[in-house]
Amino acid sequence: MNTTKDSILSNVAKLSSYASTLSLASAKQVLDLRDELLALPAETNLQLGGRSGLNIDGTPLQYCISSSSEGLHNRFISDPSCIIGSPEERFEYSYQALQKLYVTTQTEEIKEICEGMLDFHLPVSKENMEDYPDGVFWLGASPDSKGMAVYIDGRRGGKEESWERFRAWLHHLMPDNTEVDDFVKTLSPYANIMSIGLEGSSLKNLRAKIYFRLTHKLSIDDLKIPVLLNESVSNFLNDVIGDKDVNLAGVVFNVGFHIASSKLFDAKIDVCACPSYVELNPSEWIVLLDKTASKNNVTKFPLKEEVLENDCSVSYYGLGIDIMGNKRLNLYLKNKITAN
C-alpha cells in the first residue's frame, strides 16, 4: 500500500474506534497508543512508497482480542512507519518508536534483551537494509496493561541461515535449555521461519517467540511440540477449516520459550481469514466464535455481527495452549476496507 499518513489513519479509523469501545482506557489514550505504534512521520521530505505485510490488504494495524478462562485481553499490533519507502529510513523511524514504547509500556526492564535481539538478528550495518522491503519489525502493546511485544522479520539469509541464527539466539538467551536443538532439528527441514520476537513486561515473564509456516504437509504429531498434542488443536482446526484443503501458507505456527525458566512454554496456531483459506460471512463468523469459545471454556468474544458488517474484518483466528493446559483464542481484527 503506497500511501500517506492521512490515508493510513483514515484506513484504520473504524478499527481504532472499535478498539476504544473495548478498552478500559480513555479513547484518547487508545488513539495515542495507536499513533505511537504506527509511528507515521509528519515530515514531507521522506521517500514514500513503503508497504506493509501485516495484513493481506496492506493495512498496517491489527487489534487482537485474546480470550481465556480468565477473561479478555486486547492489544494493538502495528507495522511502524510503513509509508516510508527507504528501508533504512523506515528502520530508523521504527527504532525510534521502539525506544518510546519501552517508556510508555513500563518495560525498560526488558530493553536490554530486546536490543540484544536486534543486534543478534539484524545486519551489522544498518545502512543496507534491502532484505527488509516491507519493514524490519512489528510492535505490539495494550492500552489496558503493562507489557509490549516486538517481532522481527526472521527470514534474512534464507532457510538454513535463519534457523541457525534462531538456534544460536535461543542458546544465548537460555544456555541451560535442552529443548532447543531437538526443536530446530525436527522443524527446520519442514518449515520456514517468518519472524521471531519477544513478548512480556518483565524478566520474569518474558518469552522468546518463533513464527513459522510449514513447507511440507505434516500432522500435528509430526511437529513433536508437546503442548500441541491436545485434541483441542485438531478440534479447532476442524471447526475453522473443516475438510478444506488449505494452502500451507494459510496457517502460521508459533512457539514461545519462557526465558527465565529455560522452558518451551506455549504454542499456537493462527489461520488466515482471507477468502482462499476461510471464507465466512459476518453471521457465520459470530457462530464460529461462539462455538469455539464454548468448546474451549473461554470467555465469549464481545464481537457483534454489525461490527463485522461495517467496521472490522477478521485477519487471523487462532488457538494457543501453554504447558499447564491453559487455552486462549486469539482473534485478530483489521479495519474493514470497502471499495469506493
C-alpha atoms as a PDB file:
ATOM      1  CA  MET A   1       0.000   0.000   0.000  1.00  0.00           C
ATOM      2  CA  ASN A   2       1.810   3.094  -1.278  1.00  0.00           C
ATOM      3  CA  THR A   3       0.062   5.848   0.658  1.00  0.00           C
ATOM      4  CA  THR A   4       0.320   8.775   3.064  1.00  0.00           C
ATOM      5  CA  LYS A   5      -0.065   9.361   6.777  1.00  0.00           C
ATOM      6  CA  ASP A   6      -3.579  10.782   6.392  1.00  0.00           C
ATOM      7  CA  SER A   7      -4.797   7.907   4.254  1.00  0.00           C
ATOM      8  CA  ILE A   8      -3.347   5.343   6.676  1.00  0.00           C
ATOM      9  CA  LEU A   9      -5.156   6.964   9.600  1.00  0.00           C
ATOM     10  CA  SER A  10      -8.344   7.018   7.553  1.00  0.00           C
ATOM     11  CA  ASN A  11      -7.912   3.349   6.705  1.00  0.00           C
ATOM     12  CA  VAL A  12      -7.633   2.311  10.364  1.00  0.00           C
ATOM     13  CA  ALA A  13     -10.232   4.698  11.819  1.00  0.00           C
ATOM     14  CA  LYS A  14     -13.046   2.167  12.237  1.00  0.00           C
ATOM     15  CA  LEU A  15     -10.776  -0.423  13.823  1.00  0.00           C
ATOM     16  CA  SER A  16      -9.435   2.223  16.201  1.00  0.00           C
ATOM     17  CA  SER A  17     -12.941   3.292  17.154  1.00  0.00           C
ATOM     18  CA  TYR A  18     -13.950  -0.285  17.904  1.00  0.00           C
ATOM     19  CA  ALA A  19     -10.791  -0.800  19.973  1.00  0.00           C
ATOM     20  CA  SER A  20     -11.801   2.217  22.067  1.00  0.00           C
ATOM     21  CA  THR A  21     -15.137   0.600  22.922  1.00  0.00           C
ATOM     22  CA  LEU A  22     -13.372  -2.481  24.336  1.00  0.00           C
ATOM     23  CA  SER A  23     -10.660  -0.688  26.275  1.00  0.00           C
ATOM     24  CA  LEU A  24     -10.760   0.412  29.897  1.00  0.00           C
ATOM     25  CA  ALA A  25      -8.583   3.358  28.896  1.00  0.00           C
ATOM     26  CA  SER A  26      -9.950   6.597  27.510  1.00  0.00           C
ATOM     27  CA  ALA A  27     -10.460   6.979  23.772  1.00  0.00           C
ATOM     28  CA  LYS A  28      -7.600   9.493  23.733  1.00  0.00           C
ATOM     29  CA  GLN A  29      -5.233   7.021  25.401  1.00  0.00           C
ATOM     30  CA  VAL A  30      -6.194   4.326  22.900  1.00  0.00           C
ATOM     31  CA  LEU A  31      -5.581   6.618  19.930  1.00  0.00           C
ATOM     32  CA  ASP A  32      -2.353   7.963  21.415  1.00  0.00           C
ATOM     33  CA  LEU A  33      -1.004   4.411  21.753  1.00  0.00           C
ATOM     34  CA  ARG A  34      -2.159   3.568  18.246  1.00  0.00           C
ATOM     35  CA  ASP A  35      -0.338   6.574  16.841  1.00  0.00           C
ATOM     36  CA  GLU A  36       2.803   5.752  18.822  1.00  0.00           C
ATOM     37  CA  LEU A  37       2.769   2.210  17.445  1.00  0.00           C
ATOM     38  CA  LEU A  38       2.122   3.301  13.859  1.00  0.00           C
ATOM     39  CA  ALA A  39       4.936   5.884  14.094  1.00  0.00           C
ATOM     40  CA  LEU A  40       3.849   7.670  10.925  1.00  0.00           C
ATOM     41  CA  PRO A  41       6.277  10.545  10.302  1.00  0.00           C
ATOM     42  CA  ALA A  42       4.955  14.031   9.635  1.00  0.00           C
ATOM     43  CA  GLU A  43       7.978  15.050   7.590  1.00  0.00           C
ATOM     44  CA  THR A  44       7.273  15.672   3.917  1.00  0.00           C
ATOM     45  CA  ASN A  45      10.843  15.262   2.676  1.00  0.00           C
ATOM     46  CA  LEU A  46      10.948  11.484   3.170  1.00  0.00           C
ATOM     47  CA  GLN A  47      10.881   8.977   0.361  1.00  0.00           C
ATOM     48  CA  LEU A  48       7.392   7.478   0.438  1.00  0.00           C
ATOM     49  CA  GLY A  49       6.294   4.237  -1.185  1.00  0.00           C
ATOM     50  CA  GLY A  50       6.573   1.744   1.666  1.00  0.00           C
ATOM     51  CA  ARG A  51       4.287  -1.254   2.028  1.00  0.00           C
ATOM     52  CA  SER A  52       3.056  -3.346   4.908  1.00  0.00           C
ATOM     53  CA  GLY A  53       2.930  -7.126   5.134  1.00  0.00           C
ATOM     54  CA  LEU A  54       0.953  -7.234   8.382  1.00  0.00           C
ATOM     55  CA  ASN A  55      -2.420  -7.777   6.698  1.00  0.00           C
ATOM     56  CA  ILE A  56      -3.103  -9.152   3.249  1.00  0.00           C
ATOM     57  CA  ASP A  57      -4.788  -5.885   2.205  1.00  0.00           C
ATOM     58  CA  GLY A  58      -1.748  -3.801   3.151  1.00  0.00           C
ATOM     59  CA  THR A  59      -3.215  -2.085   6.216  1.00  0.00           C
ATOM     60  CA  PRO A  60      -0.602  -1.744   8.997  1.00  0.00           C
ATOM     61  CA  LEU A  61      -2.709  -2.282  12.120  1.00  0.00           C
ATOM     62  CA  GLN A  62      -4.442  -5.162  13.904  1.00  0.00           C
ATOM     63  CA  TYR A  63      -6.413  -5.312  17.124  1.00  0.00           C
ATOM     64  CA  CYS A  64      -6.078  -8.674  18.813  1.00  0.00           C
ATOM     65  CA  ILE A  65      -8.764  -9.866  21.236  1.00  0.00           C
ATOM     66  CA  SER A  66      -7.345 -12.719  23.280  1.00  0.00           C
ATOM     67  CA  SER A  67      -9.869 -14.792  25.218  1.00  0.00           C
ATOM     68  CA  SER A  68      -9.063 -17.155  28.077  1.00  0.00           C
ATOM     69  CA  SER A  69     -10.937 -18.630  31.020  1.00  0.00           C
ATOM     70  CA  GLU A  70      -9.844 -15.568  32.996  1.00  0.00           C
ATOM     71  CA  GLY A  71     -11.350 -13.040  30.608  1.00  0.00           C
ATOM     72  CA  LEU A  72     -10.339 -10.868  27.665  1.00  0.00           C
ATOM     73  CA  HIS A  73      -7.062  -9.132  26.884  1.00  0.00           C
ATOM     74  CA  ASN A  74      -6.819  -6.707  23.978  1.00  0.00           C
ATOM     75  CA  ARG A  75      -3.828  -5.185  22.217  1.00  0.00           C
ATOM     76  CA  PHE A  76      -2.726  -3.422  19.057  1.00  0.00           C
ATOM     77  CA  ILE A  77      -0.173  -4.886  16.667  1.00  0.00           C
ATOM     78  CA  SER A  78       1.366  -2.426  14.227  1.00  0.00           C
ATOM     79  CA  ASP A  79       3.747  -2.197  11.307  1.00  0.00           C
ATOM     80  CA  PRO A  80       5.512   1.083  12.191  1.00  0.00           C
ATOM     81  CA  SER A  81       6.468   3.789   9.713  1.00  0.00           C
ATOM     82  CA  CYS A  82       5.016   1.746   6.853  1.00  0.00           C
ATOM     83  CA  ILE A  83       4.676   4.669   4.439  1.00  0.00           C
ATOM     84  CA  ILE A  84       8.448   5.206   4.198  1.00  0.00           C
ATOM     85  CA  GLY A  85       9.885   3.737   1.026  1.00  0.00           C
ATOM     86  CA  SER A  86      13.554   3.636   2.030  1.00  0.00           C
ATOM     87  CA  PRO A  87      14.187   0.531   4.204  1.00  0.00           C
ATOM     88  CA  GLU A  88      17.000   2.351   6.008  1.00  0.00           C
ATOM     89  CA  GLU A  89      14.838   5.388   6.881  1.00  0.00           C
ATOM     90  CA  ARG A  90      11.922   3.151   7.781  1.00  0.00           C
ATOM     91  CA  PHE A  91      14.081   1.217  10.227  1.00  0.00           C
ATOM     92  CA  GLU A  92      15.339   4.460  11.779  1.00  0.00           C
ATOM     93  CA  TYR A  93      11.820   5.751  12.460  1.00  0.00           C
ATOM     94  CA  SER A  94      10.609   2.325  13.634  1.00  0.00           C
ATOM     95  CA  TYR A  95      13.532   2.082  16.024  1.00  0.00           C
ATOM     96  CA  GLN A  96      12.680   5.485  17.484  1.00  0.00           C
ATOM     97  CA  ALA A  97       9.141   4.213  18.065  1.00  0.00           C
ATOM     98  CA  LEU A  98      10.503   1.162  19.875  1.00  0.00           C
ATOM     99  CA  GLN A  99      12.550   3.360  22.213  1.00  0.00           C
ATOM    100  CA  LYS A 100       9.438   5.365  23.147  1.00  0.00           C
ATOM    101  CA  LEU A 101       7.441   2.185  23.654  1.00  0.00           C
ATOM    102  CA  TYR A 102       9.742   0.931  26.431  1.00  0.00           C
ATOM    103  CA  VAL A 103       8.731   4.010  28.430  1.00  0.00           C
ATOM    104  CA  THR A 104       5.040   4.032  27.531  1.00  0.00           C
ATOM    105  CA  THR A 105       4.573   0.365  28.401  1.00  0.00           C
ATOM    106  CA  GLN A 106       6.828   0.432  31.503  1.00  0.00           C
ATOM    107  CA  THR A 107       9.105  -2.237  30.075  1.00  0.00           C
ATOM    108  CA  GLU A 108      12.552  -0.704  30.498  1.00  0.00           C
ATOM    109  CA  GLU A 109      13.452  -3.877  32.424  1.00  0.00           C
ATOM    110  CA  ILE A 110      13.388  -5.941  29.214  1.00  0.00           C
ATOM    111  CA  LYS A 111      15.003  -3.307  26.986  1.00  0.00           C
ATOM    112  CA  GLU A 112      18.467  -4.867  27.080  1.00  0.00           C
ATOM    113  CA  ILE A 113      17.191  -8.237  25.850  1.00  0.00           C
ATOM    114  CA  CYS A 114      15.066  -6.609  23.135  1.00  0.00           C
ATOM    115  CA  GLU A 115      18.008  -4.544  21.940  1.00  0.00           C
ATOM    116  CA  GLY A 116      20.144  -7.671  22.028  1.00  0.00           C
ATOM    117  CA  MET A 117      17.659  -9.425  19.765  1.00  0.00           C
ATOM    118  CA  LEU A 118      18.015  -6.656  17.198  1.00  0.00           C
ATOM    119  CA  ASP A 119      21.805  -6.849  17.397  1.00  0.00           C
ATOM    120  CA  PHE A 120      21.742 -10.628  17.045  1.00  0.00           C
ATOM    121  CA  HIS A 121      19.432 -10.861  14.043  1.00  0.00           C
ATOM    122  CA  LEU A 122      19.924  -7.679  12.018  1.00  0.00           C
ATOM    123  CA  PRO A 123      22.902  -6.957   9.775  1.00  0.00           C
ATOM    124  CA  VAL A 124      25.761  -5.131  11.470  1.00  0.00           C
ATOM    125  CA  SER A 125      25.426  -2.202   9.081  1.00  0.00           C
ATOM    126  CA  LYS A 126      22.028  -0.513   9.224  1.00  0.00           C
ATOM    127  CA  GLU A 127      22.872   1.381   6.058  1.00  0.00           C
ATOM    128  CA  ASN A 128      21.917  -1.552   3.847  1.00  0.00           C
ATOM    129  CA  MET A 129      18.511  -2.953   4.752  1.00  0.00           C
ATOM    130  CA  GLU A 130      17.476  -4.229   1.328  1.00  0.00           C
ATOM    131  CA  ASP A 131      16.494  -7.581   2.887  1.00  0.00           C
ATOM    132  CA  TYR A 132      13.552  -5.766   4.517  1.00  0.00           C
ATOM    133  CA  PRO A 133      11.471  -4.185   1.734  1.00  0.00           C
ATOM    134  CA  ASP A 134       8.297  -4.280   3.842  1.00  0.00           C
ATOM    135  CA  GLY A 135       9.756  -3.345   7.209  1.00  0.00           C
ATOM    136  CA  VAL A 136      12.087  -4.780   9.841  1.00  0.00           C
ATOM    137  CA  PHE A 137       9.777  -5.329  12.784  1.00  0.00           C
ATOM    138  CA  TRP A 138       6.256  -5.064  14.176  1.00  0.00           C
ATOM    139  CA  LEU A 139       5.252  -3.707  17.580  1.00  0.00           C
ATOM    140  CA  GLY A 140       2.504  -4.725  19.993  1.00  0.00           C
ATOM    141  CA  ALA A 141       1.030  -3.152  23.119  1.00  0.00           C
ATOM    142  CA  SER A 142      -2.227  -2.813  25.025  1.00  0.00           C
ATOM    143  CA  PRO A 143      -3.801   0.429  26.276  1.00  0.00           C
ATOM    144  CA  ASP A 144      -5.017  -1.507  29.327  1.00  0.00           C
ATOM    145  CA  SER A 145      -1.928  -3.206  30.712  1.00  0.00           C
ATOM    146  CA  LYS A 146       1.833  -3.076  31.087  1.00  0.00           C
ATOM    147  CA  GLY A 147       3.916  -5.040  28.578  1.00  0.00           C
ATOM    148  CA  MET A 148       4.941  -4.983  24.946  1.00  0.00           C
ATOM    149  CA  ALA A 149       5.944  -7.152  22.014  1.00  0.00           C
ATOM    150  CA  VAL A 150       8.465  -6.719  19.220  1.00  0.00           C
ATOM    151  CA  TYR A 151       8.613  -9.095  16.250  1.00  0.00           C
ATOM    152  CA  ILE A 152      11.492  -9.081  13.749  1.00  0.00           C
ATOM    153  CA  ASP A 153      11.364 -10.410  10.213  1.00  0.00           C
ATOM    154  CA  GLY A 154      13.380 -13.601  10.661  1.00  0.00           C
ATOM    155  CA  ARG A 155      13.942 -14.609   7.036  1.00  0.00           C
ATOM    156  CA  ARG A 156      17.262 -12.864   6.341  1.00  0.00           C
ATOM    157  CA  GLY A 157      19.852 -15.139   4.752  1.00  0.00           C
ATOM    158  CA  GLY A 158      17.453 -17.865   3.718  1.00  0.00           C
ATOM    159  CA  LYS A 159      16.195 -21.010   5.392  1.00  0.00           C
ATOM    160  CA  GLU A 160      19.363 -22.602   6.777  1.00  0.00           C
ATOM    161  CA  GLU A 161      20.930 -19.369   7.972  1.00  0.00           C
ATOM    162  CA  SER A 162      17.736 -18.133   9.636  1.00  0.00           C
ATOM    163  CA  TRP A 163      17.217 -21.386  11.543  1.00  0.00           C
ATOM    164  CA  GLU A 164      20.847 -21.489  12.691  1.00  0.00           C
ATOM    165  CA  ARG A 165      20.673 -17.861  13.800  1.00  0.00           C
ATOM    166  CA  PHE A 166      17.491 -18.585  15.736  1.00  0.00           C
ATOM    167  CA  ARG A 167      19.077 -21.647  17.409  1.00  0.00           C
ATOM    168  CA  ALA A 168      22.154 -19.664  18.405  1.00  0.00           C
ATOM    169  CA  TRP A 169      19.996 -16.823  19.763  1.00  0.00           C
ATOM    170  CA  LEU A 170      17.986 -19.185  21.984  1.00  0.00           C
ATOM    171  CA  HIS A 171      21.174 -20.780  23.308  1.00  0.00           C
ATOM    172  CA  HIS A 172      22.457 -17.294  24.036  1.00  0.00           C
ATOM    173  CA  LEU A 173      19.289 -16.448  25.972  1.00  0.00           C
ATOM    174  CA  MET A 174      18.872 -19.839  27.653  1.00  0.00           C
ATOM    175  CA  PRO A 175      22.190 -21.700  27.921  1.00  0.00           C
ATOM    176  CA  ASP A 176      20.561 -24.422  30.037  1.00  0.00           C
ATOM    177  CA  ASN A 177      17.682 -25.152  27.682  1.00  0.00           C
ATOM    178  CA  THR A 178      17.791 -28.758  26.493  1.00  0.00           C
ATOM    179  CA  GLU A 179      14.839 -28.497  24.087  1.00  0.00           C
ATOM    180  CA  VAL A 180      16.235 -26.039  21.556  1.00  0.00           C
ATOM    181  CA  ASP A 181      18.367 -28.368  19.441  1.00  0.00           C
ATOM    182  CA  ASP A 182      15.652 -31.036  19.179  1.00  0.00           C
ATOM    183  CA  PHE A 183      13.082 -28.379  18.273  1.00  0.00           C
ATOM    184  CA  VAL A 184      15.248 -26.928  15.496  1.00  0.00           C
ATOM    185  CA  LYS A 185      16.325 -30.354  14.238  1.00  0.00           C
ATOM    186  CA  THR A 186      12.707 -31.525  13.977  1.00  0.00           C
ATOM    187  CA  LEU A 187      11.173 -28.432  12.413  1.00  0.00           C
ATOM    188  CA  SER A 188      13.849 -26.829  10.252  1.00  0.00           C
ATOM    189  CA  PRO A 189      13.676 -29.344   7.345  1.00  0.00           C
ATOM    190  CA  TYR A 190       9.931 -28.796   7.023  1.00  0.00           C
ATOM    191  CA  ALA A 191       9.334 -25.134   7.869  1.00  0.00           C
ATOM    192  CA  ASN A 192      10.399 -21.587   7.074  1.00  0.00           C
ATOM    193  CA  ILE A 193      10.829 -19.021   9.812  1.00  0.00           C
ATOM    194  CA  MET A 194       8.666 -15.965   9.229  1.00  0.00           C
ATOM    195  CA  SER A 195       9.520 -13.914  12.305  1.00  0.00           C
ATOM    196  CA  ILE A 196      10.968 -14.109  15.786  1.00  0.00           C
ATOM    197  CA  GLY A 197      10.135 -11.924  18.727  1.00  0.00           C
ATOM    198  CA  LEU A 198       9.871 -11.113  22.389  1.00  0.00           C
ATOM    199  CA  GLU A 199       6.716 -10.641  24.464  1.00  0.00           C
ATOM    200  CA  GLY A 200       6.399  -9.623  28.090  1.00  0.00           C
ATOM    201  CA  SER A 201       6.526  -6.954  30.741  1.00  0.00           C
ATOM    202  CA  SER A 202       9.400  -8.135  32.927  1.00  0.00           C
ATOM    203  CA  LEU A 203      12.323 -10.531  33.047  1.00  0.00           C
ATOM    204  CA  LYS A 204      10.087 -12.949  34.968  1.00  0.00           C
ATOM    205  CA  ASN A 205       7.508 -13.378  32.204  1.00  0.00           C
ATOM    206  CA  LEU A 206       9.471 -12.580  29.041  1.00  0.00           C
ATOM    207  CA  ARG A 207       9.095 -15.133  26.238  1.00  0.00           C
ATOM    208  CA  ALA A 208      11.136 -15.636  23.084  1.00  0.00           C
ATOM    209  CA  LYS A 209       8.862 -16.395  20.130  1.00  0.00           C
ATOM    210  CA  ILE A 210       9.195 -18.002  16.731  1.00  0.00           C
ATOM    211  CA  TYR A 211       6.589 -17.866  13.970  1.00  0.00           C
ATOM    212  CA  PHE A 212       6.885 -20.326  11.097  1.00  0.00           C
ATOM    213  CA  ARG A 213       4.999 -21.789   8.161  1.00  0.00           C
ATOM    214  CA  LEU A 214       5.306 -25.388   7.046  1.00  0.00           C
ATOM    215  CA  THR A 215       6.761 -26.186   3.639  1.00  0.00           C
ATOM    216  CA  HIS A 216       5.550 -29.797   3.768  1.00  0.00           C
ATOM    217  CA  LYS A 217       2.278 -31.277   4.918  1.00  0.00           C
ATOM    218  CA  LEU A 218       2.774 -32.709   8.385  1.00  0.00           C
ATOM    219  CA  SER A 219       0.409 -33.914  11.061  1.00  0.00           C
ATOM    220  CA  ILE A 220       0.319 -32.197  14.443  1.00  0.00           C
ATOM    221  CA  ASP A 221       2.019 -35.274  15.890  1.00  0.00           C
ATOM    222  CA  ASP A 222       4.879 -34.914  13.384  1.00  0.00           C
ATOM    223  CA  LEU A 223       5.722 -31.464  14.764  1.00  0.00           C
ATOM    224  CA  LYS A 224       6.666 -33.024  18.125  1.00  0.00           C
ATOM    225  CA  ILE A 225       5.629 -29.909  20.023  1.00  0.00           C
ATOM    226  CA  PRO A 226       4.248 -31.300  23.297  1.00  0.00           C
ATOM    227  CA  VAL A 227       1.723 -28.564  24.053  1.00  0.00           C
ATOM    228  CA  LEU A 228       0.095 -29.013  20.636  1.00  0.00           C
ATOM    229  CA  LEU A 229      -0.576 -32.706  21.287  1.00  0.00           C
ATOM    230  CA  ASN A 230      -4.007 -31.819  22.587  1.00  0.00           C
ATOM    231  CA  GLU A 231      -7.281 -32.762  20.977  1.00  0.00           C
ATOM    232  CA  SER A 232      -8.395 -29.145  21.262  1.00  0.00           C
ATOM    233  CA  VAL A 233      -5.966 -28.282  18.450  1.00  0.00           C
ATOM    234  CA  SER A 234      -7.379 -30.733  15.925  1.00  0.00           C
ATOM    235  CA  ASN A 235     -10.914 -29.845  17.001  1.00  0.00           C
ATOM    236  CA  PHE A 236     -10.197 -26.150  16.480  1.00  0.00           C
ATOM    237  CA  LEU A 237      -8.723 -26.694  13.017  1.00  0.00           C
ATOM    238  CA  ASN A 238     -11.687 -28.843  12.068  1.00  0.00           C
ATOM    239  CA  ASP A 239     -14.116 -26.149  13.261  1.00  0.00           C
ATOM    240  CA  VAL A 240     -12.326 -23.357  11.384  1.00  0.00           C
ATOM    241  CA  ILE A 241     -11.138 -25.128   8.234  1.00  0.00           C
ATOM    242  CA  GLY A 242     -13.193 -28.318   8.077  1.00  0.00           C
ATOM    243  CA  ASP A 243     -12.163 -30.707   5.353  1.00  0.00           C
ATOM    244  CA  LYS A 244     -10.998 -27.895   3.067  1.00  0.00           C
ATOM    245  CA  ASP A 245      -7.558 -28.395   1.524  1.00  0.00           C
ATOM    246  CA  VAL A 246      -5.817 -25.290   2.835  1.00  0.00           C
ATOM    247  CA  ASN A 247      -2.622 -23.913   1.347  1.00  0.00           C
ATOM    248  CA  LEU A 248       0.232 -24.275   3.837  1.00  0.00           C
ATOM    249  CA  ALA A 249       0.815 -20.521   3.674  1.00  0.00           C
ATOM    250  CA  GLY A 250      -2.576 -20.006   5.314  1.00  0.00           C
ATOM    251  CA  VAL A 251      -1.540 -21.457   8.678  1.00  0.00           C
ATOM    252  CA  VAL A 252       1.068 -19.829  10.936  1.00  0.00           C
ATOM    253  CA  PHE A 253       2.551 -21.742  13.865  1.00  0.00           C
ATOM    254  CA  ASN A 254       4.059 -20.051  16.892  1.00  0.00           C
ATOM    255  CA  VAL A 255       6.133 -21.431  19.772  1.00  0.00           C
ATOM    256  CA  GLY A 256       7.146 -19.486  22.862  1.00  0.00           C
ATOM    257  CA  PHE A 257      10.091 -20.175  25.184  1.00  0.00           C
ATOM    258  CA  HIS A 258       9.939 -18.806  28.724  1.00  0.00           C
ATOM    259  CA  ILE A 259      13.397 -17.320  29.142  1.00  0.00           C
ATOM    260  CA  ALA A 260      13.585 -17.255  32.951  1.00  0.00           C
ATOM    261  CA  SER A 261      12.832 -20.984  33.276  1.00  0.00           C
ATOM    262  CA  SER A 262      14.541 -22.025  30.005  1.00  0.00           C
ATOM    263  CA  LYS A 263      11.446 -23.994  29.004  1.00  0.00           C
ATOM    264  CA  LEU A 264       9.267 -24.312  25.926  1.00  0.00           C
ATOM    265  CA  PHE A 265       6.192 -22.649  27.412  1.00  0.00           C
ATOM    266  CA  ASP A 266       3.395 -22.376  24.861  1.00  0.00           C
ATOM    267  CA  ALA A 267       2.389 -22.753  21.221  1.00  0.00           C
ATOM    268  CA  LYS A 268      -0.413 -21.626  18.972  1.00  0.00           C
ATOM    269  CA  ILE A 269      -1.840 -21.962  15.504  1.00  0.00           C
ATOM    270  CA  ASP A 270      -3.276 -18.991  13.594  1.00  0.00           C
ATOM    271  CA  VAL A 271      -5.390 -19.475  10.473  1.00  0.00           C
ATOM    272  CA  CYS A 272      -5.542 -16.747   7.837  1.00  0.00           C
ATOM    273  CA  ALA A 273      -9.088 -15.497   7.386  1.00  0.00           C
ATOM    274  CA  CYS A 274      -8.707 -14.418   3.775  1.00  0.00           C
ATOM    275  CA  PRO A 275     -11.266 -15.924   1.348  1.00  0.00           C
ATOM    276  CA  SER A 276      -8.905 -18.503  -0.128  1.00  0.00           C
ATOM    277  CA  TYR A 277      -8.484 -20.084   3.326  1.00  0.00           C
ATOM    278  CA  VAL A 278     -11.542 -19.307   5.455  1.00  0.00           C
ATOM    279  CA  GLU A 279     -14.480 -17.736   3.673  1.00  0.00           C
ATOM    280  CA  LEU A 280     -17.194 -16.844   6.175  1.00  0.00           C
ATOM    281  CA  ASN A 281     -19.714 -14.029   6.218  1.00  0.00           C
ATOM    282  CA  PRO A 282     -20.181 -11.960   9.404  1.00  0.00           C
ATOM    283  CA  SER A 283     -23.008 -14.075  10.809  1.00  0.00           C
ATOM    284  CA  GLU A 284     -21.012 -17.259  10.183  1.00  0.00           C
ATOM    285  CA  TRP A 285     -18.021 -15.765  11.985  1.00  0.00           C
ATOM    286  CA  ILE A 286     -20.141 -14.986  15.039  1.00  0.00           C
ATOM    287  CA  VAL A 287     -21.418 -18.570  15.106  1.00  0.00           C
ATOM    288  CA  LEU A 288     -17.858 -19.913  14.819  1.00  0.00           C
ATOM    289  CA  LEU A 289     -16.518 -17.599  17.532  1.00  0.00           C
ATOM    290  CA  ASP A 290     -19.282 -18.588  19.947  1.00  0.00           C
ATOM    291  CA  LYS A 291     -18.857 -22.286  19.154  1.00  0.00           C
ATOM    292  CA  THR A 292     -15.089 -22.365  19.636  1.00  0.00           C
ATOM    293  CA  ALA A 293     -15.228 -20.217  22.785  1.00  0.00           C
ATOM    294  CA  SER A 294     -17.767 -22.597  24.296  1.00  0.00           C
ATOM    295  CA  LYS A 295     -15.775 -25.703  23.323  1.00  0.00           C
ATOM    296  CA  ASN A 296     -12.592 -24.348  24.878  1.00  0.00           C
ATOM    297  CA  ASN A 297     -14.250 -22.935  28.017  1.00  0.00           C
ATOM    298  CA  VAL A 298     -13.012 -19.408  27.432  1.00  0.00           C
ATOM    299  CA  THR A 299     -14.780 -16.070  27.644  1.00  0.00           C
ATOM    300  CA  LYS A 300     -17.180 -15.337  24.814  1.00  0.00           C
ATOM    301  CA  PHE A 301     -15.979 -12.702  22.349  1.00  0.00           C
ATOM    302  CA  PRO A 302     -17.907  -9.404  22.586  1.00  0.00           C
ATOM    303  CA  LEU A 303     -17.968  -9.024  18.812  1.00  0.00           C
ATOM    304  CA  LYS A 304     -21.329  -8.257  17.220  1.00  0.00           C
ATOM    305  CA  GLU A 305     -22.340  -9.096  13.677  1.00  0.00           C
ATOM    306  CA  GLU A 306     -22.825  -5.434  12.759  1.00  0.00           C
ATOM    307  CA  VAL A 307     -19.184  -4.703  13.628  1.00  0.00           C
ATOM    308  CA  LEU A 308     -18.034  -7.257  11.057  1.00  0.00           C
ATOM    309  CA  GLU A 309     -20.615  -5.918   8.608  1.00  0.00           C
ATOM    310  CA  ASN A 310     -19.491  -2.309   8.829  1.00  0.00           C
ATOM    311  CA  ASP A 311     -16.247  -1.718  10.707  1.00  0.00           C
ATOM    312  CA  CYS A 312     -13.820  -4.636  11.038  1.00  0.00           C
ATOM    313  CA  SER A 313     -12.753  -7.812   9.268  1.00  0.00           C
ATOM    314  CA  VAL A 314     -11.049 -10.892  10.666  1.00  0.00           C
ATOM    315  CA  SER A 315      -7.387 -11.126   9.675  1.00  0.00           C
ATOM    316  CA  TYR A 316      -6.410 -14.296  11.586  1.00  0.00           C
ATOM    317  CA  TYR A 317      -8.056 -16.587  14.120  1.00  0.00           C
ATOM    318  CA  GLY A 318      -6.018 -18.855  16.358  1.00  0.00           C
ATOM    319  CA  LEU A 319      -5.787 -21.196  19.323  1.00  0.00           C
ATOM    320  CA  GLY A 320      -2.953 -21.211  21.856  1.00  0.00           C
ATOM    321  CA  ILE A 321      -2.104 -23.638  24.686  1.00  0.00           C
ATOM    322  CA  ASP A 322       0.562 -23.427  27.400  1.00  0.00           C
ATOM    323  CA  ILE A 323       2.355 -26.155  29.348  1.00  0.00           C
ATOM    324  CA  MET A 324      -0.280 -26.015  32.119  1.00  0.00           C
ATOM    325  CA  GLY A 325      -3.006 -26.760  29.591  1.00  0.00           C
ATOM    326  CA  ASN A 326      -4.450 -23.239  29.681  1.00  0.00           C
ATOM    327  CA  LYS A 327      -6.086 -22.312  26.391  1.00  0.00           C
ATOM    328  CA  ARG A 328      -6.671 -18.999  24.689  1.00  0.00           C
ATOM    329  CA  LEU A 329      -8.354 -17.988  21.474  1.00  0.00           C
ATOM    330  CA  ASN A 330      -6.844 -15.092  19.539  1.00  0.00           C
ATOM    331  CA  LEU A 331      -8.985 -13.047  17.176  1.00  0.00           C
ATOM    332  CA  TYR A 332      -7.016 -10.609  15.010  1.00  0.00           C
ATOM    333  CA  LEU A 333      -9.138  -7.833  13.562  1.00  0.00           C
ATOM    334  CA  LYS A 334      -8.247  -5.343  10.839  1.00  0.00           C
ATOM    335  CA  ASN A 335     -10.079  -2.314   9.504  1.00  0.00           C
ATOM    336  CA  LYS A 336     -12.807  -3.148   7.010  1.00  0.00           C
ATOM    337  CA  ILE A 337     -11.772  -1.572   3.722  1.00  0.00           C
ATOM    338  CA  THR A 338     -14.582  -1.037   1.280  1.00  0.00           C
ATOM    339  CA  ALA A 339     -14.286  -0.086  -2.369  1.00  0.00           C
ATOM    340  CA  ASN A 340     -15.381   3.417  -3.287  1.00  0.00           C
END
